[in-house]
Amino acid sequence: MSISSSPPNQRQLPTGKIEVAPRAIATIAAQAVGQSYGVVGMVPHSFRQGVAQVLHQNDAHRGVEVRIGDQEIEIDLYVIMEYGTRISEVARNVQEQVRYAVERALGMPVARVNVRVQGLKN
C-alpha cells in the first residue's frame, strides 16, 4: 500500500474528531476489489510493495494506493484481470464497487478510482 504524506481523513463533529487512516481505506477498497467479477488478483505497484509481499506483510493492502486531499479521496488499484473478460467493463464495475464501498463506510466522496490493469491471467 502506498500512502501520500497527507494526514489521515479527519472529520470534526460536535462530540469530537473522527480520523480514518489511509490503511483502513485501502482495506475497504481491497475487499471490494476482491468481490468483483473478472478480477483475478492485485499486484504491488512498487519494489517496496513487492518486497513486503514476499515477507507476507500488507497482503490486505497489496495493489492499493490511497491519497487523501482536502475533503476528497483518490484511490489507485493495480489489478490482474481474467483473460477473456471485457477489460473496460470489468474496470468500470470495479470503480463503481470501490467507490460505493468507501463512500458508504466513510460518508465522504471519492474523487477518483483509477484501475490500472497490470496483466491478464487464465
PDB file of N, CA and C in Angstrom:
ATOM      1  N   MET A   1       0.852  -1.165   0.000  1.00  0.00           N
ATOM      2  CA  MET A   1       0.000   0.000   0.000  1.00  0.00           C
ATOM      3  C   MET A   1       0.890   1.217   0.000  1.00  0.00           C
ATOM      4  N   SER A   2       0.533   2.182  -0.740  1.00  0.00           N
ATOM      5  CA  SER A   2       1.258   3.437  -0.750  1.00  0.00           C
ATOM      6  C   SER A   2       0.330   4.521  -0.235  1.00  0.00           C
ATOM      7  N   ILE A   3       0.875   5.360   0.599  1.00  0.00           N
ATOM      8  CA  ILE A   3       0.069   6.399   1.217  1.00  0.00           C
ATOM      9  C   ILE A   3       0.748   7.732   0.981  1.00  0.00           C
ATOM     10  N   SER A   4      -0.040   8.727   0.627  1.00  0.00           N
ATOM     11  CA  SER A   4       0.531  10.056   0.449  1.00  0.00           C
ATOM     12  C   SER A   4       0.902  10.626   1.803  1.00  0.00           C
ATOM     13  N   SER A   5       1.596  11.733   1.788  1.00  0.00           N
ATOM     14  CA  SER A   5       2.039  12.332   3.044  1.00  0.00           C
ATOM     15  C   SER A   5       0.942  13.132   3.739  1.00  0.00           C
ATOM     16  N   SER A   6      -0.252  13.113   3.207  1.00  0.00           N
ATOM     17  CA  SER A   6      -1.372  13.832   3.812  1.00  0.00           C
ATOM     18  C   SER A   6      -1.762  13.187   5.127  1.00  0.00           C
ATOM     19  N   PRO A   7      -2.331  13.959   6.040  1.00  0.00           N
ATOM     20  CA  PRO A   7      -2.796  13.386   7.296  1.00  0.00           C
ATOM     21  C   PRO A   7      -4.003  12.487   7.055  1.00  0.00           C
ATOM     22  N   PRO A   8      -4.330  11.615   8.021  1.00  0.00           N
ATOM     23  CA  PRO A   8      -5.492  10.744   7.845  1.00  0.00           C
ATOM     24  C   PRO A   8      -6.768  11.551   7.621  1.00  0.00           C
ATOM     25  N   ASN A   9      -7.751  10.895   7.025  1.00  0.00           N
ATOM     26  CA  ASN A   9      -9.053  11.501   6.801  1.00  0.00           C
ATOM     27  C   ASN A   9      -9.620  11.934   8.148  1.00  0.00           C
ATOM     28  N   GLN A  10      -9.976  13.198   8.280  1.00  0.00           N
ATOM     29  CA  GLN A  10     -10.476  13.716   9.546  1.00  0.00           C
ATOM     30  C   GLN A  10     -11.824  14.368   9.344  1.00  0.00           C
ATOM     31  N   ARG A  11     -12.682  14.210  10.328  1.00  0.00           N
ATOM     32  CA  ARG A  11     -13.982  14.856  10.307  1.00  0.00           C
ATOM     33  C   ARG A  11     -14.262  15.368  11.710  1.00  0.00           C
ATOM     34  N   GLN A  12     -14.531  16.648  11.819  1.00  0.00           N
ATOM     35  CA  GLN A  12     -14.813  17.268  13.110  1.00  0.00           C
ATOM     36  C   GLN A  12     -16.307  17.236  13.367  1.00  0.00           C
ATOM     37  N   LEU A  13     -16.692  16.670  14.487  1.00  0.00           N
ATOM     38  CA  LEU A  13     -18.089  16.595  14.896  1.00  0.00           C
ATOM     39  C   LEU A  13     -18.248  17.336  16.217  1.00  0.00           C
ATOM     40  N   PRO A  14     -19.481  17.725  16.579  1.00  0.00           N
ATOM     41  CA  PRO A  14     -19.687  18.410  17.852  1.00  0.00           C
ATOM     42  C   PRO A  14     -19.206  17.590  19.052  1.00  0.00           C
ATOM     43  N   THR A  15     -19.241  16.277  18.933  1.00  0.00           N
ATOM     44  CA  THR A  15     -18.850  15.418  20.057  1.00  0.00           C
ATOM     45  C   THR A  15     -17.371  15.057  20.055  1.00  0.00           C
ATOM     46  N   GLY A  16     -16.632  15.426  18.999  1.00  0.00           N
ATOM     47  CA  GLY A  16     -15.207  15.114  18.922  1.00  0.00           C
ATOM     48  C   GLY A  16     -14.764  14.945  17.482  1.00  0.00           C
ATOM     49  N   LYS A  17     -13.592  14.365  17.317  1.00  0.00           N
ATOM     50  CA  LYS A  17     -12.980  14.219  15.994  1.00  0.00           C
ATOM     51  C   LYS A  17     -12.891  12.739  15.626  1.00  0.00           C
ATOM     52  N   ILE A  18     -13.148  12.432  14.362  1.00  0.00           N
ATOM     53  CA  ILE A  18     -13.019  11.073  13.844  1.00  0.00           C
ATOM     54  C   ILE A  18     -11.915  11.091  12.788  1.00  0.00           C
ATOM     55  N   GLU A  19     -10.962  10.190  12.923  1.00  0.00           N
ATOM     56  CA  GLU A  19      -9.886  10.071  11.951  1.00  0.00           C
ATOM     57  C   GLU A  19      -9.893   8.664  11.367  1.00  0.00           C
ATOM     58  N   VAL A  20      -9.737   8.584  10.047  1.00  0.00           N
ATOM     59  CA  VAL A  20      -9.650   7.299   9.370  1.00  0.00           C
ATOM     60  C   VAL A  20      -8.318   7.261   8.633  1.00  0.00           C
ATOM     61  N   ALA A  21      -7.486   6.299   8.958  1.00  0.00           N
ATOM     62  CA  ALA A  21      -6.168   6.169   8.337  1.00  0.00           C
ATOM     63  C   ALA A  21      -6.299   5.673   6.900  1.00  0.00           C
ATOM     64  N   PRO A  22      -5.392   6.097   6.033  1.00  0.00           N
ATOM     65  CA  PRO A  22      -5.399   5.600   4.653  1.00  0.00           C
ATOM     66  C   PRO A  22      -5.334   4.076   4.573  1.00  0.00           C
ATOM     67  N   ARG A  23      -4.669   3.436   5.529  1.00  0.00           N
ATOM     68  CA  ARG A  23      -4.584   1.970   5.549  1.00  0.00           C
ATOM     69  C   ARG A  23      -5.981   1.355   5.681  1.00  0.00           C
ATOM     70  N   ALA A  24      -6.839   1.952   6.482  1.00  0.00           N
ATOM     71  CA  ALA A  24      -8.203   1.452   6.644  1.00  0.00           C
ATOM     72  C   ALA A  24      -8.987   1.616   5.342  1.00  0.00           C
ATOM     73  N   ILE A  25      -8.796   2.739   4.681  1.00  0.00           N
ATOM     74  CA  ILE A  25      -9.465   2.972   3.396  1.00  0.00           C
ATOM     75  C   ILE A  25      -8.983   1.948   2.368  1.00  0.00           C
ATOM     76  N   ALA A  26      -7.678   1.660   2.377  1.00  0.00           N
ATOM     77  CA  ALA A  26      -7.116   0.673   1.452  1.00  0.00           C
ATOM     78  C   ALA A  26      -7.706  -0.713   1.702  1.00  0.00           C
ATOM     79  N   THR A  27      -7.944  -1.053   2.951  1.00  0.00           N
ATOM     80  CA  THR A  27      -8.548  -2.345   3.278  1.00  0.00           C
ATOM     81  C   THR A  27      -9.960  -2.444   2.723  1.00  0.00           C
ATOM     82  N   ILE A  28     -10.735  -1.382   2.873  1.00  0.00           N
ATOM     83  CA  ILE A  28     -12.100  -1.358   2.340  1.00  0.00           C
ATOM     84  C   ILE A  28     -12.069  -1.523   0.817  1.00  0.00           C
ATOM     85  N   ALA A  29     -11.176  -0.788   0.158  1.00  0.00           N
ATOM     86  CA  ALA A  29     -11.069  -0.857  -1.302  1.00  0.00           C
ATOM     87  C   ALA A  29     -10.637  -2.250  -1.754  1.00  0.00           C
ATOM     88  N   ALA A  30      -9.651  -2.837  -1.087  1.00  0.00           N
ATOM     89  CA  ALA A  30      -9.153  -4.162  -1.469  1.00  0.00           C
ATOM     90  C   ALA A  30     -10.236  -5.225  -1.323  1.00  0.00           C
ATOM     91  N   GLN A  31     -11.048  -5.123  -0.280  1.00  0.00           N
ATOM     92  CA  GLN A  31     -12.136  -6.084  -0.103  1.00  0.00           C
ATOM     93  C   GLN A  31     -13.178  -5.943  -1.214  1.00  0.00           C
ATOM     94  N   ALA A  32     -13.470  -4.725  -1.607  1.00  0.00           N
ATOM     95  CA  ALA A  32     -14.427  -4.503  -2.697  1.00  0.00           C
ATOM     96  C   ALA A  32     -13.883  -5.060  -4.012  1.00  0.00           C
ATOM     97  N   VAL A  33     -12.590  -4.882  -4.266  1.00  0.00           N
ATOM     98  CA  VAL A  33     -11.985  -5.421  -5.484  1.00  0.00           C
ATOM     99  C   VAL A  33     -12.047  -6.943  -5.472  1.00  0.00           C
ATOM    100  N   GLY A  34     -11.773  -7.543  -4.314  1.00  0.00           N
ATOM    101  CA  GLY A  34     -11.788  -8.991  -4.190  1.00  0.00           C
ATOM    102  C   GLY A  34     -13.144  -9.609  -4.486  1.00  0.00           C
ATOM    103  N   GLN A  35     -14.204  -8.844  -4.355  1.00  0.00           N
ATOM    104  CA  GLN A  35     -15.556  -9.331  -4.615  1.00  0.00           C
ATOM    105  C   GLN A  35     -16.020  -9.016  -6.035  1.00  0.00           C
ATOM    106  N   SER A  36     -15.144  -8.456  -6.836  1.00  0.00           N
ATOM    107  CA  SER A  36     -15.516  -8.051  -8.194  1.00  0.00           C
ATOM    108  C   SER A  36     -15.316  -9.183  -9.188  1.00  0.00           C
ATOM    109  N   TYR A  37     -16.273  -9.346 -10.081  1.00  0.00           N
ATOM    110  CA  TYR A  37     -16.182 -10.342 -11.140  1.00  0.00           C
ATOM    111  C   TYR A  37     -15.082  -9.941 -12.120  1.00  0.00           C
ATOM    112  N   GLY A  38     -14.281 -10.901 -12.537  1.00  0.00           N
ATOM    113  CA  GLY A  38     -13.275 -10.673 -13.565  1.00  0.00           C
ATOM    114  C   GLY A  38     -11.915 -10.272 -13.044  1.00  0.00           C
ATOM    115  N   VAL A  39     -11.799 -10.017 -11.752  1.00  0.00           N
ATOM    116  CA  VAL A  39     -10.501  -9.667 -11.173  1.00  0.00           C
ATOM    117  C   VAL A  39      -9.909 -10.921 -10.550  1.00  0.00           C
ATOM    118  N   VAL A  40      -8.718 -11.301 -11.017  1.00  0.00           N
ATOM    119  CA  VAL A  40      -8.043 -12.496 -10.519  1.00  0.00           C
ATOM    120  C   VAL A  40      -7.249 -12.175  -9.267  1.00  0.00           C
ATOM    121  N   GLY A  41      -6.658 -10.986  -9.207  1.00  0.00           N
ATOM    122  CA  GLY A  41      -5.859 -10.607  -8.056  1.00  0.00           C
ATOM    123  C   GLY A  41      -5.355  -9.191  -8.174  1.00  0.00           C
ATOM    124  N   MET A  42      -4.569  -8.816  -7.188  1.00  0.00           N
ATOM    125  CA  MET A  42      -3.966  -7.487  -7.171  1.00  0.00           C
ATOM    126  C   MET A  42      -2.460  -7.653  -7.057  1.00  0.00           C
ATOM    127  N   VAL A  43      -1.731  -6.712  -7.597  1.00  0.00           N
ATOM    128  CA  VAL A  43      -0.275  -6.808  -7.590  1.00  0.00           C
ATOM    129  C   VAL A  43       0.329  -5.538  -7.011  1.00  0.00           C
ATOM    130  N   PRO A  44       1.504  -5.690  -6.413  1.00  0.00           N
ATOM    131  CA  PRO A  44       2.193  -4.491  -5.919  1.00  0.00           C
ATOM    132  C   PRO A  44       2.628  -3.631  -7.092  1.00  0.00           C
ATOM    133  N   HIS A  45       2.604  -2.331  -6.892  1.00  0.00           N
ATOM    134  CA  HIS A  45       2.983  -1.434  -7.983  1.00  0.00           C
ATOM    135  C   HIS A  45       4.380  -0.861  -7.790  1.00  0.00           C
ATOM    136  N   SER A  46       5.029  -1.213  -6.697  1.00  0.00           N
ATOM    137  CA  SER A  46       6.366  -0.695  -6.455  1.00  0.00           C
ATOM    138  C   SER A  46       7.261  -1.801  -5.913  1.00  0.00           C
ATOM    139  N   PHE A  47       8.546  -1.582  -5.983  1.00  0.00           N
ATOM    140  CA  PHE A  47       9.510  -2.545  -5.456  1.00  0.00           C
ATOM    141  C   PHE A  47       9.290  -2.766  -3.966  1.00  0.00           C
ATOM    142  N   ARG A  48       9.031  -1.686  -3.250  1.00  0.00           N
ATOM    143  CA  ARG A  48       8.816  -1.774  -1.805  1.00  0.00           C
ATOM    144  C   ARG A  48       7.624  -2.670  -1.479  1.00  0.00           C
ATOM    145  N   GLN A  49       6.542  -2.506  -2.216  1.00  0.00           N
ATOM    146  CA  GLN A  49       5.374  -3.358  -2.001  1.00  0.00           C
ATOM    147  C   GLN A  49       5.679  -4.804  -2.369  1.00  0.00           C
ATOM    148  N   GLY A  50       6.469  -5.002  -3.407  1.00  0.00           N
ATOM    149  CA  GLY A  50       6.845  -6.358  -3.802  1.00  0.00           C
ATOM    150  C   GLY A  50       7.642  -7.061  -2.722  1.00  0.00           C
ATOM    151  N   VAL A  51       8.576  -6.353  -2.106  1.00  0.00           N
ATOM    152  CA  VAL A  51       9.368  -6.918  -1.013  1.00  0.00           C
ATOM    153  C   VAL A  51       8.462  -7.231   0.179  1.00  0.00           C
ATOM    154  N   ALA A  52       7.542  -6.335   0.484  1.00  0.00           N
ATOM    155  CA  ALA A  52       6.613  -6.568   1.591  1.00  0.00           C
ATOM    156  C   ALA A  52       5.760  -7.801   1.324  1.00  0.00           C
ATOM    157  N   GLN A  53       5.380  -8.021   0.069  1.00  0.00           N
ATOM    158  CA  GLN A  53       4.582  -9.190  -0.281  1.00  0.00           C
ATOM    159  C   GLN A  53       5.382 -10.463  -0.038  1.00  0.00           C
ATOM    160  N   VAL A  54       6.635 -10.453  -0.425  1.00  0.00           N
ATOM    161  CA  VAL A  54       7.486 -11.623  -0.205  1.00  0.00           C
ATOM    162  C   VAL A  54       7.603 -11.918   1.284  1.00  0.00           C
ATOM    163  N   LEU A  55       7.667 -10.896   2.092  1.00  0.00           N
ATOM    164  CA  LEU A  55       7.779 -11.054   3.543  1.00  0.00           C
ATOM    165  C   LEU A  55       6.421 -11.243   4.209  1.00  0.00           C
ATOM    166  N   HIS A  56       5.354 -11.346   3.412  1.00  0.00           N
ATOM    167  CA  HIS A  56       3.980 -11.559   3.891  1.00  0.00           C
ATOM    168  C   HIS A  56       3.465 -10.408   4.740  1.00  0.00           C
ATOM    169  N   GLN A  57       3.812  -9.223   4.372  1.00  0.00           N
ATOM    170  CA  GLN A  57       3.291  -8.047   5.046  1.00  0.00           C
ATOM    171  C   GLN A  57       2.355  -7.327   4.091  1.00  0.00           C
ATOM    172  N   ASN A  58       1.376  -6.629   4.643  1.00  0.00           N
ATOM    173  CA  ASN A  58       0.472  -5.786   3.862  1.00  0.00           C
ATOM    174  C   ASN A  58      -0.312  -6.535   2.791  1.00  0.00           C
ATOM    175  N   ASP A  59      -0.562  -7.852   2.999  1.00  0.00           N
ATOM    176  CA  ASP A  59      -1.322  -8.602   1.994  1.00  0.00           C
ATOM    177  C   ASP A  59      -2.704  -8.016   1.771  1.00  0.00           C
ATOM    178  N   ALA A  60      -3.317  -7.495   2.821  1.00  0.00           N
ATOM    179  CA  ALA A  60      -4.660  -6.940   2.688  1.00  0.00           C
ATOM    180  C   ALA A  60      -4.671  -5.638   1.897  1.00  0.00           C
ATOM    181  N   HIS A  61      -3.518  -5.020   1.727  1.00  0.00           N
ATOM    182  CA  HIS A  61      -3.444  -3.722   1.057  1.00  0.00           C
ATOM    183  C   HIS A  61      -2.675  -3.778  -0.255  1.00  0.00           C
ATOM    184  N   ARG A  62      -2.257  -4.970  -0.658  1.00  0.00           N
ATOM    185  CA  ARG A  62      -1.427  -5.105  -1.862  1.00  0.00           C
ATOM    186  C   ARG A  62      -2.184  -4.551  -3.070  1.00  0.00           C
ATOM    187  N   GLY A  63      -1.517  -3.712  -3.826  1.00  0.00           N
ATOM    188  CA  GLY A  63      -2.106  -3.189  -5.043  1.00  0.00           C
ATOM    189  C   GLY A  63      -3.057  -2.024  -4.863  1.00  0.00           C
ATOM    190  N   VAL A  64      -3.034  -1.397  -3.693  1.00  0.00           N
ATOM    191  CA  VAL A  64      -3.913  -0.257  -3.439  1.00  0.00           C
ATOM    192  C   VAL A  64      -3.072   0.934  -2.998  1.00  0.00           C
ATOM    193  N   GLU A  65      -3.307   2.061  -3.617  1.00  0.00           N
ATOM    194  CA  GLU A  65      -2.655   3.313  -3.226  1.00  0.00           C
ATOM    195  C   GLU A  65      -3.757   4.321  -2.923  1.00  0.00           C
ATOM    196  N   VAL A  66      -3.692   4.935  -1.751  1.00  0.00           N
ATOM    197  CA  VAL A  66      -4.706   5.889  -1.313  1.00  0.00           C
ATOM    198  C   VAL A  66      -4.058   7.251  -1.115  1.00  0.00           C
ATOM    199  N   ARG A  67      -4.675   8.271  -1.694  1.00  0.00           N
ATOM    200  CA  ARG A  67      -4.231   9.658  -1.484  1.00  0.00           C
ATOM    201  C   ARG A  67      -5.424  10.452  -0.971  1.00  0.00           C
ATOM    202  N   ILE A  68      -5.188  11.191   0.091  1.00  0.00           N
ATOM    203  CA  ILE A  68      -6.257  11.992   0.684  1.00  0.00           C
ATOM    204  C   ILE A  68      -5.897  13.457   0.545  1.00  0.00           C
ATOM    205  N   GLY A  69      -6.797  14.210  -0.083  1.00  0.00           N
ATOM    206  CA  GLY A  69      -6.613  15.647  -0.239  1.00  0.00           C
ATOM    207  C   GLY A  69      -7.606  16.387   0.626  1.00  0.00           C
ATOM    208  N   ASP A  70      -7.854  17.622   0.282  1.00  0.00           N
ATOM    209  CA  ASP A  70      -8.829  18.421   1.014  1.00  0.00           C
ATOM    210  C   ASP A  70     -10.229  17.910   0.709  1.00  0.00           C
ATOM    211  N   GLN A  71     -10.774  17.166   1.645  1.00  0.00           N
ATOM    212  CA  GLN A  71     -12.138  16.633   1.550  1.00  0.00           C
ATOM    213  C   GLN A  71     -12.386  15.770   0.317  1.00  0.00           C
ATOM    214  N   GLU A  72     -11.340  15.076  -0.173  1.00  0.00           N
ATOM    215  CA  GLU A  72     -11.538  14.131  -1.264  1.00  0.00           C
ATOM    216  C   GLU A  72     -10.520  13.005  -1.154  1.00  0.00           C
ATOM    217  N   ILE A  73     -10.893  11.882  -1.713  1.00  0.00           N
ATOM    218  CA  ILE A  73     -10.057  10.695  -1.680  1.00  0.00           C
ATOM    219  C   ILE A  73      -9.814  10.245  -3.109  1.00  0.00           C
ATOM    220  N   GLU A  74      -8.583   9.835  -3.398  1.00  0.00           N
ATOM    221  CA  GLU A  74      -8.252   9.257  -4.696  1.00  0.00           C
ATOM    222  C   GLU A  74      -7.604   7.903  -4.448  1.00  0.00           C
ATOM    223  N   ILE A  75      -8.061   6.894  -5.187  1.00  0.00           N
ATOM    224  CA  ILE A  75      -7.597   5.526  -4.989  1.00  0.00           C
ATOM    225  C   ILE A  75      -7.087   4.975  -6.314  1.00  0.00           C
ATOM    226  N   ASP A  76      -5.877   4.401  -6.286  1.00  0.00           N
ATOM    227  CA  ASP A  76      -5.318   3.695  -7.437  1.00  0.00           C
ATOM    228  C   ASP A  76      -5.312   2.209  -7.116  1.00  0.00           C
ATOM    229  N   LEU A  77      -5.779   1.399  -8.065  1.00  0.00           N
ATOM    230  CA  LEU A  77      -5.843  -0.047  -7.898  1.00  0.00           C
ATOM    231  C   LEU A  77      -5.009  -0.696  -8.993  1.00  0.00           C
ATOM    232  N   TYR A  78      -4.154  -1.640  -8.625  1.00  0.00           N
ATOM    233  CA  TYR A  78      -3.299  -2.353  -9.564  1.00  0.00           C
ATOM    234  C   TYR A  78      -3.773  -3.803  -9.588  1.00  0.00           C
ATOM    235  N   VAL A  79      -4.442  -4.200 -10.679  1.00  0.00           N
ATOM    236  CA  VAL A  79      -5.134  -5.480 -10.720  1.00  0.00           C
ATOM    237  C   VAL A  79      -4.673  -6.365 -11.870  1.00  0.00           C
ATOM    238  N   ILE A  80      -4.937  -7.664 -11.703  1.00  0.00           N
ATOM    239  CA  ILE A  80      -4.790  -8.648 -12.776  1.00  0.00           C
ATOM    240  C   ILE A  80      -6.195  -9.140 -13.074  1.00  0.00           C
ATOM    241  N   MET A  81      -6.564  -9.092 -14.346  1.00  0.00           N
ATOM    242  CA  MET A  81      -7.914  -9.494 -14.738  1.00  0.00           C
ATOM    243  C   MET A  81      -7.894 -10.849 -15.418  1.00  0.00           C
ATOM    244  N   GLU A  82      -9.064 -11.458 -15.416  1.00  0.00           N
ATOM    245  CA  GLU A  82      -9.232 -12.759 -16.038  1.00  0.00           C
ATOM    246  C   GLU A  82      -9.211 -12.603 -17.554  1.00  0.00           C
ATOM    247  N   TYR A  83      -8.414 -13.446 -18.218  1.00  0.00           N
ATOM    248  CA  TYR A  83      -8.329 -13.419 -19.672  1.00  0.00           C
ATOM    249  C   TYR A  83      -9.694 -13.753 -20.265  1.00  0.00           C
ATOM    250  N   GLY A  84     -10.100 -13.005 -21.259  1.00  0.00           N
ATOM    251  CA  GLY A  84     -11.367 -13.257 -21.941  1.00  0.00           C
ATOM    252  C   GLY A  84     -12.495 -12.359 -21.467  1.00  0.00           C
ATOM    253  N   THR A  85     -12.275 -11.623 -20.401  1.00  0.00           N
ATOM    254  CA  THR A  85     -13.314 -10.695 -19.951  1.00  0.00           C
ATOM    255  C   THR A  85     -13.135  -9.370 -20.670  1.00  0.00           C
ATOM    256  N   ARG A  86     -14.189  -8.604 -20.712  1.00  0.00           N
ATOM    257  CA  ARG A  86     -14.118  -7.279 -21.323  1.00  0.00           C
ATOM    258  C   ARG A  86     -13.482  -6.336 -20.302  1.00  0.00           C
ATOM    259  N   ILE A  87     -12.261  -5.929 -20.570  1.00  0.00           N
ATOM    260  CA  ILE A  87     -11.462  -5.169 -19.611  1.00  0.00           C
ATOM    261  C   ILE A  87     -12.156  -3.878 -19.193  1.00  0.00           C
ATOM    262  N   SER A  88     -12.676  -3.135 -20.142  1.00  0.00           N
ATOM    263  CA  SER A  88     -13.306  -1.856 -19.812  1.00  0.00           C
ATOM    264  C   SER A  88     -14.525  -2.039 -18.920  1.00  0.00           C
ATOM    265  N   GLU A  89     -15.286  -3.087 -19.168  1.00  0.00           N
ATOM    266  CA  GLU A  89     -16.481  -3.345 -18.383  1.00  0.00           C
ATOM    267  C   GLU A  89     -16.125  -3.770 -16.955  1.00  0.00           C
ATOM    268  N   VAL A  90     -15.149  -4.658 -16.830  1.00  0.00           N
ATOM    269  CA  VAL A  90     -14.713  -5.108 -15.500  1.00  0.00           C
ATOM    270  C   VAL A  90     -14.124  -3.927 -14.733  1.00  0.00           C
ATOM    271  N   ALA A  91     -13.308  -3.114 -15.390  1.00  0.00           N
ATOM    272  CA  ALA A  91     -12.688  -1.948 -14.723  1.00  0.00           C
ATOM    273  C   ALA A  91     -13.755  -0.970 -14.246  1.00  0.00           C
ATOM    274  N   ARG A  92     -14.748  -0.716 -15.057  1.00  0.00           N
ATOM    275  CA  ARG A  92     -15.830   0.196 -14.665  1.00  0.00           C
ATOM    276  C   ARG A  92     -16.598  -0.360 -13.467  1.00  0.00           C
ATOM    277  N   ASN A  93     -16.839  -1.667 -13.477  1.00  0.00           N
ATOM    278  CA  ASN A  93     -17.526  -2.313 -12.365  1.00  0.00           C
ATOM    279  C   ASN A  93     -16.699  -2.203 -11.076  1.00  0.00           C
ATOM    280  N   VAL A  94     -15.395  -2.404 -11.190  1.00  0.00           N
ATOM    281  CA  VAL A  94     -14.500  -2.276 -10.034  1.00  0.00           C
ATOM    282  C   VAL A  94     -14.542  -0.843  -9.500  1.00  0.00           C
ATOM    283  N   GLN A  95     -14.489   0.134 -10.388  1.00  0.00           N
ATOM    284  CA  GLN A  95     -14.556   1.533  -9.965  1.00  0.00           C
ATOM    285  C   GLN A  95     -15.823   1.801  -9.171  1.00  0.00           C
ATOM    286  N   GLU A  96     -16.949   1.347  -9.689  1.00  0.00           N
ATOM    287  CA  GLU A  96     -18.231   1.593  -9.027  1.00  0.00           C
ATOM    288  C   GLU A  96     -18.313   0.897  -7.674  1.00  0.00           C
ATOM    289  N   GLN A  97     -17.847  -0.358  -7.606  1.00  0.00           N
ATOM    290  CA  GLN A  97     -17.914  -1.094  -6.343  1.00  0.00           C
ATOM    291  C   GLN A  97     -17.014  -0.482  -5.277  1.00  0.00           C
ATOM    292  N   VAL A  98     -15.818  -0.080  -5.666  1.00  0.00           N
ATOM    293  CA  VAL A  98     -14.894   0.526  -4.702  1.00  0.00           C
ATOM    294  C   VAL A  98     -15.421   1.877  -4.242  1.00  0.00           C
ATOM    295  N   ARG A  99     -15.887   2.685  -5.180  1.00  0.00           N
ATOM    296  CA  ARG A  99     -16.442   3.992  -4.813  1.00  0.00           C
ATOM    297  C   ARG A  99     -17.611   3.825  -3.842  1.00  0.00           C
ATOM    298  N   TYR A 100     -18.513   2.918  -4.145  1.00  0.00           N
ATOM    299  CA  TYR A 100     -19.680   2.690  -3.290  1.00  0.00           C
ATOM    300  C   TYR A 100     -19.252   2.221  -1.892  1.00  0.00           C
ATOM    301  N   ALA A 101     -18.341   1.255  -1.826  1.00  0.00           N
ATOM    302  CA  ALA A 101     -17.921   0.699  -0.535  1.00  0.00           C
ATOM    303  C   ALA A 101     -17.244   1.749   0.335  1.00  0.00           C
ATOM    304  N   VAL A 102     -16.356   2.553  -0.254  1.00  0.00           N
ATOM    305  CA  VAL A 102     -15.624   3.565   0.521  1.00  0.00           C
ATOM    306  C   VAL A 102     -16.564   4.698   0.938  1.00  0.00           C
ATOM    307  N   GLU A 103     -17.386   5.184   0.024  1.00  0.00           N
ATOM    308  CA  GLU A 103     -18.310   6.269   0.366  1.00  0.00           C
ATOM    309  C   GLU A 103     -19.321   5.826   1.413  1.00  0.00           C
ATOM    310  N   ARG A 104     -19.777   4.590   1.319  1.00  0.00           N
ATOM    311  CA  ARG A 104     -20.735   4.067   2.295  1.00  0.00           C
ATOM    312  C   ARG A 104     -20.084   3.960   3.678  1.00  0.00           C
ATOM    313  N   ALA A 105     -18.839   3.518   3.724  1.00  0.00           N
ATOM    314  CA  ALA A 105     -18.157   3.338   5.003  1.00  0.00           C
ATOM    315  C   ALA A 105     -17.760   4.663   5.639  1.00  0.00           C
ATOM    316  N   LEU A 106     -17.355   5.638   4.823  1.00  0.00           N
ATOM    317  CA  LEU A 106     -16.820   6.894   5.353  1.00  0.00           C
ATOM    318  C   LEU A 106     -17.794   8.054   5.331  1.00  0.00           C
ATOM    319  N   GLY A 107     -18.748   8.018   4.418  1.00  0.00           N
ATOM    320  CA  GLY A 107     -19.633   9.164   4.275  1.00  0.00           C
ATOM    321  C   GLY A 107     -18.919  10.353   3.659  1.00  0.00           C
ATOM    322  N   MET A 108     -17.837  10.088   2.945  1.00  0.00           N
ATOM    323  CA  MET A 108     -17.038  11.129   2.306  1.00  0.00           C
ATOM    324  C   MET A 108     -16.884  10.765   0.830  1.00  0.00           C
ATOM    325  N   PRO A 109     -17.015  11.738  -0.084  1.00  0.00           N
ATOM    326  CA  PRO A 109     -16.955  11.402  -1.507  1.00  0.00           C
ATOM    327  C   PRO A 109     -15.559  10.958  -1.958  1.00  0.00           C
ATOM    328  N   VAL A 110     -15.560  10.021  -2.894  1.00  0.00           N
ATOM    329  CA  VAL A 110     -14.324   9.567  -3.524  1.00  0.00           C
ATOM    330  C   VAL A 110     -14.216  10.303  -4.855  1.00  0.00           C
ATOM    331  N   ALA A 111     -13.158  11.053  -5.026  1.00  0.00           N
ATOM    332  CA  ALA A 111     -12.991  11.853  -6.246  1.00  0.00           C
ATOM    333  C   ALA A 111     -12.697  10.977  -7.454  1.00  0.00           C
ATOM    334  N   ARG A 112     -11.762  10.013  -7.293  1.00  0.00           N
ATOM    335  CA  ARG A 112     -11.364   9.165  -8.412  1.00  0.00           C
ATOM    336  C   ARG A 112     -10.982   7.774  -7.923  1.00  0.00           C
ATOM    337  N   VAL A 113     -11.334   6.786  -8.735  1.00  0.00           N
ATOM    338  CA  VAL A 113     -10.852   5.419  -8.549  1.00  0.00           C
ATOM    339  C   VAL A 113     -10.203   5.043  -9.871  1.00  0.00           C
ATOM    340  N   ASN A 114      -8.893   4.926  -9.877  1.00  0.00           N
ATOM    341  CA  ASN A 114      -8.136   4.607 -11.083  1.00  0.00           C
ATOM    342  C   ASN A 114      -7.796   3.119 -11.064  1.00  0.00           C
ATOM    343  N   VAL A 115      -8.226   2.408 -12.095  1.00  0.00           N
ATOM    344  CA  VAL A 115      -7.934   0.973 -12.207  1.00  0.00           C
ATOM    345  C   VAL A 115      -6.804   0.824 -13.220  1.00  0.00           C
ATOM    346  N   ARG A 116      -5.717   0.249 -12.775  1.00  0.00           N
ATOM    347  CA  ARG A 116      -4.543   0.047 -13.626  1.00  0.00           C
ATOM    348  C   ARG A 116      -4.361  -1.456 -13.825  1.00  0.00           C
ATOM    349  N   VAL A 117      -4.676  -1.919 -15.020  1.00  0.00           N
ATOM    350  CA  VAL A 117      -4.600  -3.354 -15.335  1.00  0.00           C
ATOM    351  C   VAL A 117      -3.134  -3.704 -15.598  1.00  0.00           C
ATOM    352  N   GLN A 118      -2.584  -4.573 -14.747  1.00  0.00           N
ATOM    353  CA  GLN A 118      -1.181  -4.940 -14.824  1.00  0.00           C
ATOM    354  C   GLN A 118      -0.937  -6.235 -15.590  1.00  0.00           C
ATOM    355  N   GLY A 119      -2.014  -6.984 -15.861  1.00  0.00           N
ATOM    356  CA  GLY A 119      -1.857  -8.220 -16.608  1.00  0.00           C
ATOM    357  C   GLY A 119      -3.166  -8.973 -16.721  1.00  0.00           C
ATOM    358  N   LEU A 120      -3.108 -10.056 -17.515  1.00  0.00           N
ATOM    359  CA  LEU A 120      -4.264 -10.935 -17.698  1.00  0.00           C
ATOM    360  C   LEU A 120      -3.830 -12.361 -17.363  1.00  0.00           C
ATOM    361  N   LYS A 121      -4.762 -13.127 -16.805  1.00  0.00           N
ATOM    362  CA  LYS A 121      -4.442 -14.493 -16.408  1.00  0.00           C
ATOM    363  C   LYS A 121      -5.608 -15.398 -16.747  1.00  0.00           C
ATOM    364  N   ASN A 122      -5.300 -16.618 -17.186  1.00  0.00           N
ATOM    365  CA  ASN A 122      -6.348 -17.610 -17.483  1.00  0.00           C
ATOM    366  C   ASN A 122      -6.993 -18.104 -16.224  1.00  0.00           C
TER     367      ASN A 122
END
